[in-house]
Amino acid sequence: MNNFELDLDKTITKLAGNQLGRYIFQEQLKEEIDYKKEITITFPDRIDTIASSFIQGFFEEIVQNIGISGVESMVIINSSIPNIKKLILENLL
């Protein structure tokens, strides 16, 4: 399965920081992600803000493996944040 529901501290509503993004990727996706299949990432509904620094850290290895166009075509993002995919892509360019 290439579905990842991020497990984050229940008190966190905002995600920021390149280092935190990298850490969460390393801990929750790195060992299980298959870059040849569609990838689904689900952020908890309570997350209402994701900073560009977090996006860049979290998606760094994904972009290295499938490129920004791969993120656009192969990655599904579930989030309560409107237009999250557009926000992510803009912050990866």
PDB file of N, CA and C in Angstrom:
ATOM      1  N   MET A   1       0.849  -1.188   0.000  1.00  0.00           N
ATOM      2  CA  MET A   1       0.000   0.000   0.000  1.00  0.00           C
ATOM      3  C   MET A   1       0.886   1.241   0.000  1.00  0.00           C
ATOM      4  N   ASN A   2       0.508   2.203  -0.761  1.00  0.00           N
ATOM      5  CA  ASN A   2       1.263   3.446  -0.848  1.00  0.00           C
ATOM      6  C   ASN A   2       0.433   4.593  -0.284  1.00  0.00           C
ATOM      7  N   ASN A   3      -0.334   4.273   0.767  1.00  0.00           N
ATOM      8  CA  ASN A   3      -1.171   5.263   1.443  1.00  0.00           C
ATOM      9  C   ASN A   3      -0.546   5.593   2.787  1.00  0.00           C
ATOM     10  N   PHE A   4      -0.315   6.869   3.001  1.00  0.00           N
ATOM     11  CA  PHE A   4       0.339   7.309   4.230  1.00  0.00           C
ATOM     12  C   PHE A   4      -0.517   8.332   4.947  1.00  0.00           C
ATOM     13  N   GLU A   5      -1.040   7.941   6.099  1.00  0.00           N
ATOM     14  CA  GLU A   5      -1.795   8.850   6.946  1.00  0.00           C
ATOM     15  C   GLU A   5      -0.828   9.328   8.018  1.00  0.00           C
ATOM     16  N   LEU A   6      -0.447  10.590   7.942  1.00  0.00           N
ATOM     17  CA  LEU A   6       0.578  11.098   8.845  1.00  0.00           C
ATOM     18  C   LEU A   6       0.103  11.076  10.293  1.00  0.00           C
ATOM     19  N   ASP A   7       0.971  10.576  11.143  1.00  0.00           N
ATOM     20  CA  ASP A   7       0.691  10.478  12.569  1.00  0.00           C
ATOM     21  C   ASP A   7       1.452  11.602  13.257  1.00  0.00           C
ATOM     22  N   LEU A   8       0.709  12.621  13.659  1.00  0.00           N
ATOM     23  CA  LEU A   8       1.319  13.807  14.259  1.00  0.00           C
ATOM     24  C   LEU A   8       0.751  14.044  15.653  1.00  0.00           C
ATOM     25  N   ASP A   9       1.529  14.695  16.491  1.00  0.00           N
ATOM     26  CA  ASP A   9       1.091  15.045  17.842  1.00  0.00           C
ATOM     27  C   ASP A   9      -0.285  15.708  17.787  1.00  0.00           C
ATOM     28  N   LYS A  10      -1.172  15.294  18.671  1.00  0.00           N
ATOM     29  CA  LYS A  10      -2.563  15.782  18.667  1.00  0.00           C
ATOM     30  C   LYS A  10      -2.678  17.285  18.934  1.00  0.00           C
ATOM     31  N   THR A  11      -1.637  17.896  19.478  1.00  0.00           N
ATOM     32  CA  THR A  11      -1.704  19.330  19.785  1.00  0.00           C
ATOM     33  C   THR A  11      -1.237  20.204  18.620  1.00  0.00           C
ATOM     34  N   ILE A  12      -0.663  19.596  17.606  1.00  0.00           N
ATOM     35  CA  ILE A  12      -0.118  20.359  16.474  1.00  0.00           C
ATOM     36  C   ILE A  12      -1.217  20.684  15.467  1.00  0.00           C
ATOM     37  N   THR A  13      -1.298  21.981  15.091  1.00  0.00           N
ATOM     38  CA  THR A  13      -2.249  22.400  14.055  1.00  0.00           C
ATOM     39  C   THR A  13      -1.535  23.045  12.867  1.00  0.00           C
ATOM     40  N   LYS A  14      -0.254  23.362  13.033  1.00  0.00           N
ATOM     41  CA  LYS A  14       0.521  24.012  11.981  1.00  0.00           C
ATOM     42  C   LYS A  14       1.843  23.269  11.812  1.00  0.00           C
ATOM     43  N   LEU A  15       2.278  23.151  10.568  1.00  0.00           N
ATOM     44  CA  LEU A  15       3.543  22.476  10.284  1.00  0.00           C
ATOM     45  C   LEU A  15       4.506  23.470   9.658  1.00  0.00           C
ATOM     46  N   ALA A  16       5.697  23.567  10.237  1.00  0.00           N
ATOM     47  CA  ALA A  16       6.713  24.487   9.709  1.00  0.00           C
ATOM     48  C   ALA A  16       8.094  23.914  10.005  1.00  0.00           C
ATOM     49  N   GLY A  17       9.026  24.251   9.150  1.00  0.00           N
ATOM     50  CA  GLY A  17      10.416  23.873   9.356  1.00  0.00           C
ATOM     51  C   GLY A  17      10.858  22.760   8.429  1.00  0.00           C
ATOM     52  N   ASN A  18      11.934  23.024   7.699  1.00  0.00           N
ATOM     53  CA  ASN A  18      12.509  22.061   6.777  1.00  0.00           C
ATOM     54  C   ASN A  18      12.922  20.798   7.530  1.00  0.00           C
ATOM     55  N   GLN A  19      13.547  20.976   8.674  1.00  0.00           N
ATOM     56  CA  GLN A  19      14.033  19.842   9.455  1.00  0.00           C
ATOM     57  C   GLN A  19      12.877  18.950   9.930  1.00  0.00           C
ATOM     58  N   LEU A  20      11.776  19.553  10.359  1.00  0.00           N
ATOM     59  CA  LEU A  20      10.607  18.776  10.782  1.00  0.00           C
ATOM     60  C   LEU A  20      10.027  18.009   9.594  1.00  0.00           C
ATOM     61  N   GLY A  21       9.938  18.654   8.446  1.00  0.00           N
ATOM     62  CA  GLY A  21       9.441  17.982   7.246  1.00  0.00           C
ATOM     63  C   GLY A  21      10.282  16.768   6.892  1.00  0.00           C
ATOM     64  N   ARG A  22      11.595  16.924   6.928  1.00  0.00           N
ATOM     65  CA  ARG A  22      12.497  15.807   6.631  1.00  0.00           C
ATOM     66  C   ARG A  22      12.323  14.683   7.648  1.00  0.00           C
ATOM     67  N   TYR A  23      12.221  15.067   8.926  1.00  0.00           N
ATOM     68  CA  TYR A  23      12.097  14.086  10.001  1.00  0.00           C
ATOM     69  C   TYR A  23      10.823  13.252   9.825  1.00  0.00           C
ATOM     70  N   ILE A  24       9.693  13.907   9.577  1.00  0.00           N
ATOM     71  CA  ILE A  24       8.432  13.181   9.429  1.00  0.00           C
ATOM     72  C   ILE A  24       8.488  12.266   8.204  1.00  0.00           C
ATOM     73  N   PHE A  25       9.077  12.745   7.112  1.00  0.00           N
ATOM     74  CA  PHE A  25       9.241  11.887   5.935  1.00  0.00           C
ATOM     75  C   PHE A  25      10.079  10.657   6.286  1.00  0.00           C
ATOM     76  N   GLN A  26      11.224  10.891   6.937  1.00  0.00           N
ATOM     77  CA  GLN A  26      12.138   9.792   7.281  1.00  0.00           C
ATOM     78  C   GLN A  26      11.461   8.760   8.186  1.00  0.00           C
ATOM     79  N   GLU A  27      10.716   9.249   9.156  1.00  0.00           N
ATOM     80  CA  GLU A  27      10.100   8.369  10.144  1.00  0.00           C
ATOM     81  C   GLU A  27       8.869   7.626   9.620  1.00  0.00           C
ATOM     82  N   GLN A  28       8.107   8.247   8.731  1.00  0.00           N
ATOM     83  CA  GLN A  28       6.807   7.674   8.382  1.00  0.00           C
ATOM     84  C   GLN A  28       6.661   7.187   6.941  1.00  0.00           C
ATOM     85  N   LEU A  29       7.520   7.640   6.025  1.00  0.00           N
ATOM     86  CA  LEU A  29       7.368   7.241   4.626  1.00  0.00           C
ATOM     87  C   LEU A  29       8.578   6.533   4.043  1.00  0.00           C
ATOM     88  N   LYS A  30       9.764   6.984   4.377  1.00  0.00           N
ATOM     89  CA  LYS A  30      10.989   6.578   3.686  1.00  0.00           C
ATOM     90  C   LYS A  30      11.116   5.068   3.454  1.00  0.00           C
ATOM     91  N   GLU A  31      10.884   4.285   4.463  1.00  0.00           N
ATOM     92  CA  GLU A  31      11.099   2.839   4.345  1.00  0.00           C
ATOM     93  C   GLU A  31      10.005   2.123   3.559  1.00  0.00           C
ATOM     94  N   GLU A  32       8.841   2.723   3.407  1.00  0.00           N
ATOM     95  CA  GLU A  32       7.714   2.025   2.798  1.00  0.00           C
ATOM     96  C   GLU A  32       7.271   2.576   1.451  1.00  0.00           C
ATOM     97  N   ILE A  33       7.753   3.745   1.068  1.00  0.00           N
ATOM     98  CA  ILE A  33       7.259   4.391  -0.144  1.00  0.00           C
ATOM     99  C   ILE A  33       7.758   3.669  -1.401  1.00  0.00           C
ATOM    100  N   ASP A  34       6.842   3.512  -2.359  1.00  0.00           N
ATOM    101  CA  ASP A  34       7.164   2.900  -3.643  1.00  0.00           C
ATOM    102  C   ASP A  34       6.943   3.964  -4.718  1.00  0.00           C
ATOM    103  N   TYR A  35       8.022   4.419  -5.323  1.00  0.00           N
ATOM    104  CA  TYR A  35       7.944   5.520  -6.287  1.00  0.00           C
ATOM    105  C   TYR A  35       7.390   5.107  -7.650  1.00  0.00           C
ATOM    106  N   LYS A  36       7.131   3.828  -7.830  1.00  0.00           N
ATOM    107  CA  LYS A  36       6.581   3.361  -9.103  1.00  0.00           C
ATOM    108  C   LYS A  36       5.051   3.354  -9.088  1.00  0.00           C
ATOM    109  N   LYS A  37       4.455   3.599  -7.922  1.00  0.00           N
ATOM    110  CA  LYS A  37       2.999   3.575  -7.771  1.00  0.00           C
ATOM    111  C   LYS A  37       2.493   4.935  -7.312  1.00  0.00           C
ATOM    112  N   GLU A  38       1.189   5.142  -7.502  1.00  0.00           N
ATOM    113  CA  GLU A  38       0.558   6.364  -7.002  1.00  0.00           C
ATOM    114  C   GLU A  38       0.737   6.431  -5.481  1.00  0.00           C
ATOM    115  N   ILE A  39       0.997   7.641  -4.987  1.00  0.00           N
ATOM    116  CA  ILE A  39       1.272   7.864  -3.560  1.00  0.00           C
ATOM    117  C   ILE A  39       0.155   8.734  -2.986  1.00  0.00           C
ATOM    118  N   THR A  40      -0.446   8.292  -1.890  1.00  0.00           N
ATOM    119  CA  THR A  40      -1.472   9.082  -1.219  1.00  0.00           C
ATOM    120  C   THR A  40      -0.956   9.482   0.161  1.00  0.00           C
ATOM    121  N   ILE A  41      -0.974  10.788   0.420  1.00  0.00           N
ATOM    122  CA  ILE A  41      -0.538  11.318   1.716  1.00  0.00           C
ATOM    123  C   ILE A  41      -1.710  12.056   2.335  1.00  0.00           C
ATOM    124  N   THR A  42      -2.048  11.679   3.562  1.00  0.00           N
ATOM    125  CA  THR A  42      -3.174  12.299   4.255  1.00  0.00           C
ATOM    126  C   THR A  42      -2.673  13.031   5.492  1.00  0.00           C
ATOM    127  N   PHE A  43      -2.959  14.332   5.519  1.00  0.00           N
ATOM    128  CA  PHE A  43      -2.644  15.146   6.693  1.00  0.00           C
ATOM    129  C   PHE A  43      -3.863  15.133   7.613  1.00  0.00           C
ATOM    130  N   PRO A  44      -3.661  15.073   8.936  1.00  0.00           N
ATOM    131  CA  PRO A  44      -4.812  15.134   9.844  1.00  0.00           C
ATOM    132  C   PRO A  44      -5.635  16.402   9.596  1.00  0.00           C
ATOM    133  N   ASP A  45      -6.947  16.305   9.763  1.00  0.00           N
ATOM    134  CA  ASP A  45      -7.842  17.441   9.508  1.00  0.00           C
ATOM    135  C   ASP A  45      -7.515  18.660  10.363  1.00  0.00           C
ATOM    136  N   ARG A  46      -6.931  18.450  11.528  1.00  0.00           N
ATOM    137  CA  ARG A  46      -6.644  19.595  12.415  1.00  0.00           C
ATOM    138  C   ARG A  46      -5.491  20.466  11.898  1.00  0.00           C
ATOM    139  N   ILE A  47      -4.708  19.963  10.942  1.00  0.00           N
ATOM    140  CA  ILE A  47      -3.601  20.753  10.379  1.00  0.00           C
ATOM    141  C   ILE A  47      -4.211  21.817   9.471  1.00  0.00           C
ATOM    142  N   ASP A  48      -4.060  23.088   9.858  1.00  0.00           N
ATOM    143  CA  ASP A  48      -4.676  24.169   9.083  1.00  0.00           C
ATOM    144  C   ASP A  48      -3.670  25.043   8.336  1.00  0.00           C
ATOM    145  N   THR A  49      -2.383  24.839   8.590  1.00  0.00           N
ATOM    146  CA  THR A  49      -1.345  25.613   7.910  1.00  0.00           C
ATOM    147  C   THR A  49      -0.123  24.730   7.704  1.00  0.00           C
ATOM    148  N   ILE A  50       0.436  24.790   6.494  1.00  0.00           N
ATOM    149  CA  ILE A  50       1.685  24.088   6.207  1.00  0.00           C
ATOM    150  C   ILE A  50       2.625  25.092   5.552  1.00  0.00           C
ATOM    151  N   ALA A  51       3.733  25.379   6.208  1.00  0.00           N
ATOM    152  CA  ALA A  51       4.688  26.375   5.711  1.00  0.00           C
ATOM    153  C   ALA A  51       5.530  25.801   4.573  1.00  0.00           C
ATOM    154  N   SER A  52       6.020  26.704   3.738  1.00  0.00           N
ATOM    155  CA  SER A  52       6.848  26.294   2.601  1.00  0.00           C
ATOM    156  C   SER A  52       8.091  25.533   3.060  1.00  0.00           C
ATOM    157  N   SER A  53       8.660  25.907   4.199  1.00  0.00           N
ATOM    158  CA  SER A  53       9.855  25.220   4.703  1.00  0.00           C
ATOM    159  C   SER A  53       9.556  23.750   5.001  1.00  0.00           C
ATOM    160  N   PHE A  54       8.391  23.473   5.584  1.00  0.00           N
ATOM    161  CA  PHE A  54       7.997  22.091   5.861  1.00  0.00           C
ATOM    162  C   PHE A  54       7.802  21.334   4.546  1.00  0.00           C
ATOM    163  N   ILE A  55       7.093  21.941   3.616  1.00  0.00           N
ATOM    164  CA  ILE A  55       6.826  21.310   2.317  1.00  0.00           C
ATOM    165  C   ILE A  55       8.135  20.933   1.635  1.00  0.00           C
ATOM    166  N   GLN A  56       9.082  21.844   1.604  1.00  0.00           N
ATOM    167  CA  GLN A  56      10.355  21.588   0.925  1.00  0.00           C
ATOM    168  C   GLN A  56      11.129  20.457   1.605  1.00  0.00           C
ATOM    169  N   GLY A  57      11.126  20.420   2.926  1.00  0.00           N
ATOM    170  CA  GLY A  57      11.809  19.344   3.638  1.00  0.00           C
ATOM    171  C   GLY A  57      11.128  18.002   3.456  1.00  0.00           C
ATOM    172  N   PHE A  58       9.806  17.991   3.597  1.00  0.00           N
ATOM    173  CA  PHE A  58       9.038  16.748   3.506  1.00  0.00           C
ATOM    174  C   PHE A  58       9.116  16.139   2.109  1.00  0.00           C
ATOM    175  N   PHE A  59       9.015  16.963   1.081  1.00  0.00           N
ATOM    176  CA  PHE A  59       8.954  16.459  -0.296  1.00  0.00           C
ATOM    177  C   PHE A  59      10.315  16.345  -0.973  1.00  0.00           C
ATOM    178  N   GLU A  60      11.397  16.705  -0.288  1.00  0.00           N
ATOM    179  CA  GLU A  60      12.718  16.714  -0.919  1.00  0.00           C
ATOM    180  C   GLU A  60      13.070  15.378  -1.579  1.00  0.00           C
ATOM    181  N   GLU A  61      12.977  14.282  -0.842  1.00  0.00           N
ATOM    182  CA  GLU A  61      13.332  12.971  -1.411  1.00  0.00           C
ATOM    183  C   GLU A  61      12.348  12.517  -2.470  1.00  0.00           C
ATOM    184  N   ILE A  62      11.091  12.867  -2.295  1.00  0.00           N
ATOM    185  CA  ILE A  62      10.082  12.504  -3.290  1.00  0.00           C
ATOM    186  C   ILE A  62      10.416  13.186  -4.612  1.00  0.00           C
ATOM    187  N   VAL A  63      10.737  14.479  -4.563  1.00  0.00           N
ATOM    188  CA  VAL A  63      11.102  15.223  -5.766  1.00  0.00           C
ATOM    189  C   VAL A  63      12.378  14.655  -6.383  1.00  0.00           C
ATOM    190  N   GLN A  64      13.342  14.260  -5.562  1.00  0.00           N
ATOM    191  CA  GLN A  64      14.583  13.671  -6.082  1.00  0.00           C
ATOM    192  C   GLN A  64      14.305  12.384  -6.852  1.00  0.00           C
ATOM    193  N   ASN A  65      13.281  11.648  -6.431  1.00  0.00           N
ATOM    194  CA  ASN A  65      12.975  10.362  -7.057  1.00  0.00           C
ATOM    195  C   ASN A  65      12.038  10.461  -8.244  1.00  0.00           C
ATOM    196  N   ILE A  66      11.032  11.341  -8.195  1.00  0.00           N
ATOM    197  CA  ILE A  66      10.055  11.378  -9.293  1.00  0.00           C
ATOM    198  C   ILE A  66       9.891  12.757  -9.918  1.00  0.00           C
ATOM    199  N   GLY A  67      10.610  13.760  -9.401  1.00  0.00           N
ATOM    200  CA  GLY A  67      10.538  15.102  -9.956  1.00  0.00           C
ATOM    201  C   GLY A  67       9.246  15.816  -9.575  1.00  0.00           C
ATOM    202  N   ILE A  68       9.201  17.101  -9.856  1.00  0.00           N
ATOM    203  CA  ILE A  68       8.011  17.891  -9.543  1.00  0.00           C
ATOM    204  C   ILE A  68       6.840  17.438 -10.402  1.00  0.00           C
ATOM    205  N   SER A  69       7.107  17.082 -11.659  1.00  0.00           N
ATOM    206  CA  SER A  69       6.020  16.598 -12.515  1.00  0.00           C
ATOM    207  C   SER A  69       5.460  15.283 -11.982  1.00  0.00           C
ATOM    208  N   GLY A  70       6.305  14.459 -11.371  1.00  0.00           N
ATOM    209  CA  GLY A  70       5.846  13.218 -10.752  1.00  0.00           C
ATOM    210  C   GLY A  70       4.970  13.499  -9.542  1.00  0.00           C
ATOM    211  N   VAL A  71       5.341  14.515  -8.756  1.00  0.00           N
ATOM    212  CA  VAL A  71       4.514  14.906  -7.615  1.00  0.00           C
ATOM    213  C   VAL A  71       3.146  15.341  -8.131  1.00  0.00           C
ATOM    214  N   GLU A  72       3.157  16.101  -9.207  1.00  0.00           N
ATOM    215  CA  GLU A  72       1.906  16.600  -9.778  1.00  0.00           C
ATOM    216  C   GLU A  72       1.010  15.455 -10.268  1.00  0.00           C
ATOM    217  N   SER A  73       1.600  14.458 -10.914  1.00  0.00           N
ATOM    218  CA  SER A  73       0.793  13.403 -11.527  1.00  0.00           C
ATOM    219  C   SER A  73       0.587  12.159 -10.656  1.00  0.00           C
ATOM    220  N   MET A  74       1.508  11.880  -9.727  1.00  0.00           N
ATOM    221  CA  MET A  74       1.457  10.611  -8.990  1.00  0.00           C
ATOM    222  C   MET A  74       1.106  10.736  -7.513  1.00  0.00           C
ATOM    223  N   VAL A  75       1.081  11.956  -6.990  1.00  0.00           N
ATOM    224  CA  VAL A  75       0.856  12.123  -5.554  1.00  0.00           C
ATOM    225  C   VAL A  75      -0.525  12.728  -5.308  1.00  0.00           C
ATOM    226  N   ILE A  76      -1.298  12.066  -4.464  1.00  0.00           N
ATOM    227  CA  ILE A  76      -2.602  12.558  -4.033  1.00  0.00           C
ATOM    228  C   ILE A  76      -2.439  13.063  -2.609  1.00  0.00           C
ATOM    229  N   ILE A  77      -2.913  14.278  -2.352  1.00  0.00           N
ATOM    230  CA  ILE A  77      -2.805  14.875  -1.023  1.00  0.00           C
ATOM    231  C   ILE A  77      -4.211  15.060  -0.449  1.00  0.00           C
ATOM    232  N   ASN A  78      -4.451  14.485   0.705  1.00  0.00           N
ATOM    233  CA  ASN A  78      -5.707  14.680   1.415  1.00  0.00           C
ATOM    234  C   ASN A  78      -5.450  15.609   2.594  1.00  0.00           C
ATOM    235  N   SER A  79      -6.214  16.697   2.643  1.00  0.00           N
ATOM    236  CA  SER A  79      -6.019  17.698   3.690  1.00  0.00           C
ATOM    237  C   SER A  79      -7.255  18.569   3.790  1.00  0.00           C
ATOM    238  N   SER A  80      -7.457  19.160   4.966  1.00  0.00           N
ATOM    239  CA  SER A  80      -8.556  20.108   5.141  1.00  0.00           C
ATOM    240  C   SER A  80      -8.196  21.485   4.579  1.00  0.00           C
ATOM    241  N   ILE A  81      -6.943  21.660   4.170  1.00  0.00           N
ATOM    242  CA  ILE A  81      -6.484  22.940   3.619  1.00  0.00           C
ATOM    243  C   ILE A  81      -6.929  23.027   2.152  1.00  0.00           C
ATOM    244  N   PRO A  82      -7.683  24.076   1.807  1.00  0.00           N
ATOM    245  CA  PRO A  82      -8.131  24.218   0.413  1.00  0.00           C
ATOM    246  C   PRO A  82      -6.941  24.330  -0.555  1.00  0.00           C
ATOM    247  N   ASN A  83      -7.062  23.719  -1.716  1.00  0.00           N
ATOM    248  CA  ASN A  83      -6.038  23.801  -2.773  1.00  0.00           C
ATOM    249  C   ASN A  83      -4.648  23.395  -2.297  1.00  0.00           C
ATOM    250  N   ILE A  84      -4.574  22.394  -1.430  1.00  0.00           N
ATOM    251  CA  ILE A  84      -3.286  21.990  -0.856  1.00  0.00           C
ATOM    252  C   ILE A  84      -2.291  21.537  -1.921  1.00  0.00           C
ATOM    253  N   LYS A  85      -2.752  20.822  -2.933  1.00  0.00           N
ATOM    254  CA  LYS A  85      -1.821  20.338  -3.964  1.00  0.00           C
ATOM    255  C   LYS A  85      -1.180  21.514  -4.697  1.00  0.00           C
ATOM    256  N   LYS A  86      -1.986  22.516  -5.021  1.00  0.00           N
ATOM    257  CA  LYS A  86      -1.477  23.714  -5.695  1.00  0.00           C
ATOM    258  C   LYS A  86      -0.448  24.411  -4.811  1.00  0.00           C
ATOM    259  N   LEU A  87      -0.746  24.545  -3.523  1.00  0.00           N
ATOM    260  CA  LEU A  87       0.177  25.166  -2.573  1.00  0.00           C
ATOM    261  C   LEU A  87       1.501  24.397  -2.521  1.00  0.00           C
ATOM    262  N   ILE A  88       1.416  23.100  -2.465  1.00  0.00           N
ATOM    263  CA  ILE A  88       2.615  22.283  -2.406  1.00  0.00           C
ATOM    264  C   ILE A  88       3.446  22.453  -3.672  1.00  0.00           C
ATOM    265  N   LEU A  89       2.819  22.343  -4.819  1.00  0.00           N
ATOM    266  CA  LEU A  89       3.551  22.480  -6.082  1.00  0.00           C
ATOM    267  C   LEU A  89       4.211  23.855  -6.211  1.00  0.00           C
ATOM    268  N   GLU A  90       3.504  24.899  -5.832  1.00  0.00           N
ATOM    269  CA  GLU A  90       4.076  26.263  -5.893  1.00  0.00           C
ATOM    270  C   GLU A  90       5.310  26.378  -5.001  1.00  0.00           C
ATOM    271  N   ASN A  91       5.306  25.688  -3.867  1.00  0.00           N
ATOM    272  CA  ASN A  91       6.428  25.782  -2.946  1.00  0.00           C
ATOM    273  C   ASN A  91       7.589  24.855  -3.307  1.00  0.00           C
ATOM    274  N   LEU A  92       7.386  23.991  -4.261  1.00  0.00           N
ATOM    275  CA  LEU A  92       8.462  23.122  -4.720  1.00  0.00           C
ATOM    276  C   LEU A  92       9.187  23.696  -5.929  1.00  0.00           C
ATOM    277  N   LEU A  93       8.602  24.680  -6.580  1.00  0.00           N
ATOM    278  CA  LEU A  93       9.225  25.265  -7.772  1.00  0.00           C
ATOM    279  C   LEU A  93      10.356  26.200  -7.409  1.00  0.00           C
TER     280      LEU A  93
END
